[in-house]
Amino acid sequence: MAAMKPEDHQYRVPFVERTQMQYLEMERGHAKLLMPIGPNANHVDVMYLGAFTVLAEATAANPGISILDTQEHFPIVKDIAVDFHKMATSDVTAEYRLSEEQISELHADLKRKGSAGYLAEVPMLDDKGVVVATGRVTIKLLSHNWQG
């Protein structure tokens, strides 16, 4: 499958777009994104908390979105937490991949229950490859007619 481009995405969020986050790699079950420091620096010139949160959310959700028939299903974030390890003074990247086994299980749950979910552990790295934060994001995939 060819890499997806941001304009291919069904779910646009203007707030997220204002961060100028970039999609480096997008394919079935996989996402690698970059959050630039420029528009996301705080008052002491390090990455702002909200930028880490947006990066963790988007990196975790996009692999799930990429496996959905969006005419039948949609994603939501059920929970998110970000642990900080070190201040980031550069652009930050994050990557998450669903395994083929996870994808099969998610599809089976969607078919059987109308809902499925996964917990994504998302390390976020500065331009030197140092983990500066870790996101833990619970993603739910739901059928449009889900009654949960």
C-alpha atoms as a PDB file:
ATOM      1  CA  MET A   1       0.000   0.000   0.000  1.00  0.00           C
ATOM      2  CA  ALA A   2       1.302   3.482  -0.844  1.00  0.00           C
ATOM      3  CA  ALA A   3       2.028   5.916   1.942  1.00  0.00           C
ATOM      4  CA  MET A   4      -0.970   8.045   2.905  1.00  0.00           C
ATOM      5  CA  LYS A   5      -0.790  11.813   2.692  1.00  0.00           C
ATOM      6  CA  PRO A   6      -2.375  14.088   5.326  1.00  0.00           C
ATOM      7  CA  GLU A   7      -4.916  15.312   2.779  1.00  0.00           C
ATOM      8  CA  ASP A   8      -6.136  11.702   2.416  1.00  0.00           C
ATOM      9  CA  HIS A   9      -7.345  11.681   6.014  1.00  0.00           C
ATOM     10  CA  GLN A  10     -11.036  11.716   6.840  1.00  0.00           C
ATOM     11  CA  TYR A  11     -10.614  13.350  10.229  1.00  0.00           C
ATOM     12  CA  ARG A  12      -9.311  16.909  10.125  1.00  0.00           C
ATOM     13  CA  VAL A  13      -8.857  18.901  13.328  1.00  0.00           C
ATOM     14  CA  PRO A  14      -7.999  22.590  12.792  1.00  0.00           C
ATOM     15  CA  PHE A  15      -6.379  22.822  16.249  1.00  0.00           C
ATOM     16  CA  VAL A  16      -3.988  20.010  15.311  1.00  0.00           C
ATOM     17  CA  GLU A  17      -3.262  21.597  11.941  1.00  0.00           C
ATOM     18  CA  ARG A  18      -2.136  24.800  13.681  1.00  0.00           C
ATOM     19  CA  THR A  19       0.727  22.851  15.308  1.00  0.00           C
ATOM     20  CA  GLN A  20       2.186  22.281  11.813  1.00  0.00           C
ATOM     21  CA  MET A  21       2.685  18.607  12.687  1.00  0.00           C
ATOM     22  CA  GLN A  22       4.059  16.647   9.724  1.00  0.00           C
ATOM     23  CA  TYR A  23       3.349  13.129   8.526  1.00  0.00           C
ATOM     24  CA  LEU A  24       6.698  11.475   7.783  1.00  0.00           C
ATOM     25  CA  GLU A  25       5.381   7.952   7.134  1.00  0.00           C
ATOM     26  CA  MET A  26       1.806   6.733   6.850  1.00  0.00           C
ATOM     27  CA  GLU A  27       0.802   3.260   5.746  1.00  0.00           C
ATOM     28  CA  ARG A  28      -1.569   0.512   6.807  1.00  0.00           C
ATOM     29  CA  GLY A  29      -1.211   0.097  10.569  1.00  0.00           C
ATOM     30  CA  HIS A  30       1.770   2.465  10.869  1.00  0.00           C
ATOM     31  CA  ALA A  31       2.437   6.159  11.462  1.00  0.00           C
ATOM     32  CA  LYS A  32       5.539   8.264  11.999  1.00  0.00           C
ATOM     33  CA  LEU A  33       4.974  11.958  12.686  1.00  0.00           C
ATOM     34  CA  LEU A  34       7.054  15.027  13.474  1.00  0.00           C
ATOM     35  CA  MET A  35       6.105  17.912  15.767  1.00  0.00           C
ATOM     36  CA  PRO A  36       8.177  21.006  14.921  1.00  0.00           C
ATOM     37  CA  ILE A  37       9.588  23.025  17.807  1.00  0.00           C
ATOM     38  CA  GLY A  38       9.082  26.394  16.061  1.00  0.00           C
ATOM     39  CA  PRO A  39       5.340  26.970  16.503  1.00  0.00           C
ATOM     40  CA  ASN A  40       5.187  24.722  19.592  1.00  0.00           C
ATOM     41  CA  ALA A  41       7.833  26.199  21.897  1.00  0.00           C
ATOM     42  CA  ASN A  42       6.680  27.523  25.256  1.00  0.00           C
ATOM     43  CA  HIS A  43       7.879  30.569  27.187  1.00  0.00           C
ATOM     44  CA  VAL A  44      11.289  28.973  27.890  1.00  0.00           C
ATOM     45  CA  ASP A  45      11.832  27.687  24.336  1.00  0.00           C
ATOM     46  CA  VAL A  46      11.126  24.006  24.974  1.00  0.00           C
ATOM     47  CA  MET A  47       8.304  21.884  23.518  1.00  0.00           C
ATOM     48  CA  TYR A  48       4.924  22.841  24.989  1.00  0.00           C
ATOM     49  CA  LEU A  49       2.933  20.143  26.817  1.00  0.00           C
ATOM     50  CA  GLY A  50      -0.005  20.392  24.427  1.00  0.00           C
ATOM     51  CA  ALA A  51       2.247  19.639  21.449  1.00  0.00           C
ATOM     52  CA  PHE A  52       3.407  16.363  23.042  1.00  0.00           C
ATOM     53  CA  THR A  53      -0.204  15.419  23.720  1.00  0.00           C
ATOM     54  CA  VAL A  54      -1.276  16.126  20.138  1.00  0.00           C
ATOM     55  CA  LEU A  55       1.720  14.194  18.787  1.00  0.00           C
ATOM     56  CA  ALA A  56       1.005  11.161  21.000  1.00  0.00           C
ATOM     57  CA  GLU A  57      -2.698  11.177  20.085  1.00  0.00           C
ATOM     58  CA  ALA A  58      -2.165  11.484  16.333  1.00  0.00           C
ATOM     59  CA  THR A  59       0.647   8.920  16.258  1.00  0.00           C
ATOM     60  CA  ALA A  60      -1.474   6.412  18.186  1.00  0.00           C
ATOM     61  CA  ALA A  61      -4.746   6.999  16.324  1.00  0.00           C
ATOM     62  CA  ASN A  62      -3.554   7.059  12.717  1.00  0.00           C
ATOM     63  CA  PRO A  63      -2.559   3.361  12.539  1.00  0.00           C
ATOM     64  CA  GLY A  64      -6.090   2.458  13.690  1.00  0.00           C
ATOM     65  CA  ILE A  65      -7.717   4.885  11.281  1.00  0.00           C
ATOM     66  CA  SER A  66      -5.674   3.423   8.431  1.00  0.00           C
ATOM     67  CA  ILE A  67      -7.278  -0.010   8.862  1.00  0.00           C
ATOM     68  CA  LEU A  68     -10.884   1.223   9.087  1.00  0.00           C
ATOM     69  CA  ASP A  69     -13.639   1.455   6.557  1.00  0.00           C
ATOM     70  CA  THR A  70     -14.612   4.957   7.675  1.00  0.00           C
ATOM     71  CA  GLN A  71     -18.077   4.526   6.140  1.00  0.00           C
ATOM     72  CA  GLU A  72     -18.698   1.912   8.845  1.00  0.00           C
ATOM     73  CA  HIS A  73     -16.342   2.812  11.735  1.00  0.00           C
ATOM     74  CA  PHE A  74     -14.745   5.780  13.496  1.00  0.00           C
ATOM     75  CA  PRO A  75     -11.982   6.248  16.099  1.00  0.00           C
ATOM     76  CA  ILE A  76     -12.036   8.024  19.445  1.00  0.00           C
ATOM     77  CA  VAL A  77      -9.402   8.584  22.120  1.00  0.00           C
ATOM     78  CA  LYS A  78     -10.573   6.910  25.309  1.00  0.00           C
ATOM     79  CA  ASP A  79      -7.601   7.932  27.470  1.00  0.00           C
ATOM     80  CA  ILE A  80      -4.245   9.654  27.151  1.00  0.00           C
ATOM     81  CA  ALA A  81      -1.279  10.269  29.428  1.00  0.00           C
ATOM     82  CA  VAL A  82       2.117  11.763  28.685  1.00  0.00           C
ATOM     83  CA  ASP A  83       5.203  11.188  30.842  1.00  0.00           C
ATOM     84  CA  PHE A  84       8.045  13.651  30.392  1.00  0.00           C
ATOM     85  CA  HIS A  85      11.633  12.481  30.656  1.00  0.00           C
ATOM     86  CA  LYS A  86      13.634  15.440  29.367  1.00  0.00           C
ATOM     87  CA  MET A  87      12.951  18.896  27.950  1.00  0.00           C
ATOM     88  CA  ALA A  88      12.867  18.981  24.149  1.00  0.00           C
ATOM     89  CA  THR A  89      14.588  21.901  22.454  1.00  0.00           C
ATOM     90  CA  SER A  90      14.254  20.463  18.925  1.00  0.00           C
ATOM     91  CA  ASP A  91      11.643  18.929  16.673  1.00  0.00           C
ATOM     92  CA  VAL A  92      10.185  15.724  18.125  1.00  0.00           C
ATOM     93  CA  THR A  93       9.215  12.545  16.268  1.00  0.00           C
ATOM     94  CA  ALA A  94       6.974   9.665  17.283  1.00  0.00           C
ATOM     95  CA  GLU A  95       6.162   6.344  15.679  1.00  0.00           C
ATOM     96  CA  TYR A  96       3.637   3.586  16.331  1.00  0.00           C
ATOM     97  CA  ARG A  97       2.833   0.368  14.478  1.00  0.00           C
ATOM     98  CA  LEU A  98       0.050  -2.161  14.863  1.00  0.00           C
ATOM     99  CA  SER A  99       1.144  -5.744  14.168  1.00  0.00           C
ATOM    100  CA  GLU A 100      -0.755  -7.853  11.642  1.00  0.00           C
ATOM    101  CA  GLU A 101      -1.991  -9.957  14.569  1.00  0.00           C
ATOM    102  CA  GLN A 102      -3.350  -6.828  16.318  1.00  0.00           C
ATOM    103  CA  ILE A 103      -5.023  -5.694  13.096  1.00  0.00           C
ATOM    104  CA  SER A 104      -6.716  -9.091  12.704  1.00  0.00           C
ATOM    105  CA  GLU A 105      -7.913  -9.007  16.324  1.00  0.00           C
ATOM    106  CA  LEU A 106      -9.243  -5.454  15.939  1.00  0.00           C
ATOM    107  CA  HIS A 107     -11.183  -6.408  12.804  1.00  0.00           C
ATOM    108  CA  ALA A 108     -12.595  -9.506  14.536  1.00  0.00           C
ATOM    109  CA  ASP A 109     -13.742  -7.443  17.546  1.00  0.00           C
ATOM    110  CA  LEU A 110     -15.318  -4.805  15.282  1.00  0.00           C
ATOM    111  CA  LYS A 111     -17.239  -7.503  13.425  1.00  0.00           C
ATOM    112  CA  ARG A 112     -18.300  -9.347  16.588  1.00  0.00           C
ATOM    113  CA  LYS A 113     -18.983  -6.461  19.025  1.00  0.00           C
ATOM    114  CA  GLY A 114     -19.047  -3.285  16.972  1.00  0.00           C
ATOM    115  CA  SER A 115     -16.106  -1.955  18.971  1.00  0.00           C
ATOM    116  CA  ALA A 116     -12.416  -2.659  19.410  1.00  0.00           C
ATOM    117  CA  GLY A 117      -9.509  -0.993  21.154  1.00  0.00           C
ATOM    118  CA  TYR A 118      -5.814  -0.885  21.745  1.00  0.00           C
ATOM    119  CA  LEU A 119      -3.291   0.754  24.035  1.00  0.00           C
ATOM    120  CA  ALA A 120      -0.467   2.498  22.182  1.00  0.00           C
ATOM    121  CA  GLU A 121       2.837   3.196  23.935  1.00  0.00           C
ATOM    122  CA  VAL A 122       4.329   6.065  21.961  1.00  0.00           C
ATOM    123  CA  PRO A 123       7.948   7.086  22.608  1.00  0.00           C
ATOM    124  CA  MET A 124       8.716  10.651  21.483  1.00  0.00           C
ATOM    125  CA  LEU A 125      12.291  11.411  20.452  1.00  0.00           C
ATOM    126  CA  ASP A 126      14.261  14.614  19.994  1.00  0.00           C
ATOM    127  CA  ASP A 127      16.539  15.214  17.001  1.00  0.00           C
ATOM    128  CA  LYS A 128      19.357  13.262  18.711  1.00  0.00           C
ATOM    129  CA  GLY A 129      17.161  10.171  19.190  1.00  0.00           C
ATOM    130  CA  VAL A 130      16.724  10.712  22.946  1.00  0.00           C
ATOM    131  CA  VAL A 131      13.319   9.730  24.339  1.00  0.00           C
ATOM    132  CA  VAL A 132      12.004  13.003  25.784  1.00  0.00           C
ATOM    133  CA  ALA A 133       8.455  11.820  26.529  1.00  0.00           C
ATOM    134  CA  THR A 134       6.270   8.741  26.344  1.00  0.00           C
ATOM    135  CA  GLY A 135       2.578   8.776  25.529  1.00  0.00           C
ATOM    136  CA  ARG A 136       0.120   6.080  26.548  1.00  0.00           C
ATOM    137  CA  VAL A 137      -3.009   6.379  24.441  1.00  0.00           C
ATOM    138  CA  THR A 138      -6.079   4.163  24.496  1.00  0.00           C
ATOM    139  CA  ILE A 139      -7.810   4.180  21.127  1.00  0.00           C
ATOM    140  CA  LYS A 140     -11.353   2.874  20.604  1.00  0.00           C
ATOM    141  CA  LEU A 141     -12.647   1.952  17.176  1.00  0.00           C
ATOM    142  CA  LEU A 142     -16.436   2.003  16.992  1.00  0.00           C
ATOM    143  CA  SER A 143     -19.141   1.109  14.489  1.00  0.00           C
ATOM    144  CA  HIS A 144     -21.347   4.035  13.470  1.00  0.00           C
ATOM    145  CA  ASN A 145     -24.340   2.085  14.843  1.00  0.00           C
ATOM    146  CA  TRP A 146     -22.570   1.107  18.078  1.00  0.00           C
ATOM    147  CA  GLN A 147     -24.948   1.314  21.045  1.00  0.00           C
ATOM    148  CA  GLY A 148     -22.355   0.750  23.828  1.00  0.00           C
END
